[in-house]
Amino acid sequence: MKVLKASEVSERTSISTSHLRKLAHEGKFPKPIKITENRSGWLQSDVDEWISECVRKHHAGGKYA
């Protein structure tokens, strides 16, 4: 299980870190997990699944986050 930093998630999704946090707060993107008191990150598997879901929605003509 790998934990990604916000910058890594931003690079994978082409979404700014501030927008990622907004989407997560709105329930449209996986929430980050708390690693330490001052650090958090996203599970790579959660991010990969979200990307896969976007691709499935694209192919089905659905809406995105």
C-alpha atoms as a PDB file:
ATOM      1  CA  MET A   1       0.000   0.000   0.000  1.00  0.00           C
ATOM      2  CA  LYS A   2       1.565   3.262  -1.128  1.00  0.00           C
ATOM      3  CA  VAL A   3       0.631   6.715   0.149  1.00  0.00           C
ATOM      4  CA  LEU A   4       0.946   9.572  -2.339  1.00  0.00           C
ATOM      5  CA  LYS A   5       1.774  13.179  -1.523  1.00  0.00           C
ATOM      6  CA  ALA A   6      -0.569  15.880  -2.774  1.00  0.00           C
ATOM      7  CA  SER A   7       1.935  16.869  -5.452  1.00  0.00           C
ATOM      8  CA  GLU A   8       2.044  13.277  -6.733  1.00  0.00           C
ATOM      9  CA  VAL A   9      -1.746  13.071  -6.844  1.00  0.00           C
ATOM     10  CA  SER A  10      -1.855  16.417  -8.633  1.00  0.00           C
ATOM     11  CA  GLU A  11       0.620  15.148 -11.220  1.00  0.00           C
ATOM     12  CA  ARG A  12      -1.368  11.918 -11.777  1.00  0.00           C
ATOM     13  CA  THR A  13      -4.712  13.677 -12.148  1.00  0.00           C
ATOM     14  CA  SER A  14      -3.690  17.045 -13.682  1.00  0.00           C
ATOM     15  CA  ILE A  15      -5.754  18.718 -10.938  1.00  0.00           C
ATOM     16  CA  SER A  16      -4.247  21.336  -8.627  1.00  0.00           C
ATOM     17  CA  THR A  17      -3.687  20.342  -5.008  1.00  0.00           C
ATOM     18  CA  SER A  18      -6.126  22.988  -3.768  1.00  0.00           C
ATOM     19  CA  HIS A  19      -8.833  21.710  -6.120  1.00  0.00           C
ATOM     20  CA  LEU A  20      -8.127  18.113  -5.066  1.00  0.00           C
ATOM     21  CA  ARG A  21      -8.704  19.073  -1.442  1.00  0.00           C
ATOM     22  CA  LYS A  22     -11.945  20.861  -2.394  1.00  0.00           C
ATOM     23  CA  LEU A  23     -13.159  17.818  -4.348  1.00  0.00           C
ATOM     24  CA  ALA A  24     -12.286  15.536  -1.419  1.00  0.00           C
ATOM     25  CA  HIS A  25     -14.161  17.822   0.979  1.00  0.00           C
ATOM     26  CA  GLU A  26     -17.208  17.706  -1.337  1.00  0.00           C
ATOM     27  CA  GLY A  27     -17.038  13.885  -1.507  1.00  0.00           C
ATOM     28  CA  LYS A  28     -16.126  13.897  -5.213  1.00  0.00           C
ATOM     29  CA  PHE A  29     -12.576  12.612  -4.684  1.00  0.00           C
ATOM     30  CA  PRO A  30     -11.129  10.199  -2.122  1.00  0.00           C
ATOM     31  CA  LYS A  31     -10.331  11.812   1.199  1.00  0.00           C
ATOM     32  CA  PRO A  32      -6.683  11.912   2.235  1.00  0.00           C
ATOM     33  CA  ILE A  33      -5.582   9.795   5.170  1.00  0.00           C
ATOM     34  CA  LYS A  34      -3.784  11.239   8.175  1.00  0.00           C
ATOM     35  CA  ILE A  35      -0.198   9.991   8.350  1.00  0.00           C
ATOM     36  CA  THR A  36       1.072  12.122  11.238  1.00  0.00           C
ATOM     37  CA  GLU A  37      -0.249  15.139  13.073  1.00  0.00           C
ATOM     38  CA  ASN A  38       0.946  17.431  10.276  1.00  0.00           C
ATOM     39  CA  ARG A  39       1.001  15.156   7.220  1.00  0.00           C
ATOM     40  CA  SER A  40      -1.650  13.498   5.120  1.00  0.00           C
ATOM     41  CA  GLY A  41      -1.722  11.719   1.797  1.00  0.00           C
ATOM     42  CA  TRP A  42      -3.838   9.633  -0.531  1.00  0.00           C
ATOM     43  CA  LEU A  43      -3.754   5.881  -0.972  1.00  0.00           C
ATOM     44  CA  GLN A  44      -2.494   5.156  -4.475  1.00  0.00           C
ATOM     45  CA  SER A  45      -5.184   2.490  -4.870  1.00  0.00           C
ATOM     46  CA  ASP A  46      -7.935   5.050  -4.093  1.00  0.00           C
ATOM     47  CA  VAL A  47      -6.525   7.522  -6.623  1.00  0.00           C
ATOM     48  CA  ASP A  48      -6.115   4.832  -9.290  1.00  0.00           C
ATOM     49  CA  GLU A  49      -9.701   3.667  -8.732  1.00  0.00           C
ATOM     50  CA  TRP A  50     -10.990   7.254  -9.022  1.00  0.00           C
ATOM     51  CA  ILE A  51      -9.113   7.675 -12.320  1.00  0.00           C
ATOM     52  CA  SER A  52     -10.521   4.366 -13.584  1.00  0.00           C
ATOM     53  CA  GLU A  53     -14.015   5.498 -12.646  1.00  0.00           C
ATOM     54  CA  CYS A  54     -13.510   8.736 -14.619  1.00  0.00           C
ATOM     55  CA  VAL A  55     -12.504   6.673 -17.650  1.00  0.00           C
ATOM     56  CA  ARG A  56     -15.569   4.415 -17.241  1.00  0.00           C
ATOM     57  CA  LYS A  57     -17.819   7.471 -17.004  1.00  0.00           C
ATOM     58  CA  HIS A  58     -16.173   8.993 -20.065  1.00  0.00           C
ATOM     59  CA  HIS A  59     -16.837   5.856 -22.099  1.00  0.00           C
ATOM     60  CA  ALA A  60     -20.422   5.741 -20.853  1.00  0.00           C
ATOM     61  CA  GLY A  61     -21.027   9.435 -21.575  1.00  0.00           C
ATOM     62  CA  GLY A  62     -21.504  10.265 -17.885  1.00  0.00           C
ATOM     63  CA  LYS A  63     -20.533  13.228 -15.707  1.00  0.00           C
ATOM     64  CA  TYR A  64     -17.245  13.759 -13.956  1.00  0.00           C
ATOM     65  CA  ALA A  65     -16.239  15.050 -10.509  1.00  0.00           C
END
